[in-house]
């Protein structure tokens, strides 16, 4: 991303919800040409990737939690079926 064409992040609610939003606020607060702004813009893509990875991991954990909740039911059903065959 070109430093001079960095997105403007001026319209925010009072508190950033994510580290990415906080970073975007910092970028917006710095003038074009500021060396720190260039570094923050470079850092932004890494932070965005990490947030996406965390979101995907959270979704996977939720799916696994649903499966784990079903395991006792599956085991109980299996035991009942085995007992009724005996």
Protein backbone atom coordinates (compact mmCIF):
# COMPACT_ATOMS: atom_id res chain seq x y z
CA UNK A 1 0.00 0.00 0.00
CA UNK A 2 1.39 3.40 -0.93
CA UNK A 3 1.86 5.61 2.10
CA UNK A 4 0.26 8.60 0.41
CA UNK A 5 -2.75 6.49 -0.59
CA UNK A 6 -3.23 4.77 2.76
CA UNK A 7 -6.89 4.41 3.68
CA UNK A 8 -8.34 7.08 5.90
CA UNK A 9 -9.70 5.72 9.15
CA UNK A 10 -11.30 8.81 10.59
CA UNK A 11 -14.83 7.73 11.51
CA UNK A 12 -14.63 5.47 14.54
CA UNK A 13 -16.79 4.79 17.54
CA UNK A 14 -15.32 5.74 20.93
CA UNK A 15 -13.34 2.52 21.54
CA UNK A 16 -11.66 0.28 18.96
CA UNK A 17 -13.11 -3.23 19.02
CA UNK A 18 -9.99 -4.96 17.75
CA UNK A 19 -6.22 -4.45 17.63
CA UNK A 20 -6.60 -3.84 13.89
CA UNK A 21 -9.00 -0.97 14.54
CA UNK A 22 -6.61 0.50 17.10
CA UNK A 23 -3.79 0.26 14.56
CA UNK A 24 -5.95 1.93 11.93
CA UNK A 25 -6.62 4.80 14.34
CA UNK A 26 -2.90 5.24 14.89
CA UNK A 27 -2.31 5.27 11.13
CA UNK A 28 -5.03 7.88 10.66
CA UNK A 29 -3.56 10.08 13.38
CA UNK A 30 -0.17 10.33 11.68
CA UNK A 31 0.47 12.65 8.75
CA UNK A 32 1.47 11.25 5.34
CA UNK A 33 5.25 11.10 5.11
CA UNK A 34 5.72 10.19 8.77
CA UNK A 35 8.13 7.20 8.92
CA UNK A 36 6.14 5.66 11.77
CA UNK A 37 3.01 5.75 9.60
CA UNK A 38 4.77 3.76 6.87
CA UNK A 39 5.81 1.11 9.41
CA UNK A 40 2.29 0.92 10.84
CA UNK A 41 0.83 0.50 7.35
CA UNK A 42 3.26 -2.36 6.74
CA UNK A 43 2.31 -3.90 10.10
CA UNK A 44 -1.41 -3.60 9.33
CA UNK A 45 -1.47 -6.52 6.88
CA UNK A 46 0.19 -8.83 9.42
CA UNK A 47 -2.29 -7.82 12.11
CA UNK A 48 -5.20 -8.36 9.70
CA UNK A 49 -3.90 -11.84 8.82
CA UNK A 50 -3.52 -12.74 12.50
CA UNK A 51 -7.04 -11.52 13.29
CA UNK A 52 -8.39 -13.66 10.44
CA UNK A 53 -6.46 -16.69 11.71
CA UNK A 54 -7.78 -16.15 15.24
CA UNK A 55 -11.33 -15.85 13.90
CA UNK A 56 -10.96 -19.11 11.96
CA UNK A 57 -9.49 -20.85 15.02
CA UNK A 58 -12.35 -19.60 17.19
CA UNK A 59 -14.86 -20.95 14.65
CA UNK A 60 -13.10 -24.33 14.59
CA UNK A 61 -13.09 -24.48 18.40
CA UNK A 62 -16.82 -23.76 18.45
CA UNK A 63 -17.44 -26.60 15.97
CA UNK A 64 -15.30 -28.98 18.02
CA UNK A 65 -17.14 -27.96 21.18
CA UNK A 66 -20.43 -28.89 19.51
CA UNK A 67 -19.01 -32.30 18.57
CA UNK A 68 -17.68 -32.88 22.09
CA UNK A 69 -21.11 -32.12 23.54
CA UNK A 70 -22.59 -34.84 21.29
CA UNK A 71 -20.08 -37.54 22.27
CA UNK A 72 -21.83 -38.61 25.53
CA UNK A 73 -25.13 -38.94 23.63
CA UNK A 74 -23.47 -41.08 20.95
CA UNK A 75 -21.82 -43.28 23.59
CA UNK A 76 -25.08 -43.68 25.53
CA UNK A 77 -26.96 -44.59 22.36
CA UNK A 78 -24.29 -47.11 21.43
CA UNK A 79 -24.43 -48.70 24.89
CA UNK A 80 -28.22 -48.90 24.73
CA UNK A 81 -28.09 -50.53 21.29
CA UNK A 82 -25.49 -53.05 22.51
CA UNK A 83 -27.59 -53.86 25.58
CA UNK A 84 -30.76 -54.36 23.55
CA UNK A 85 -28.94 -56.82 21.21
CA UNK A 86 -27.76 -58.95 24.12
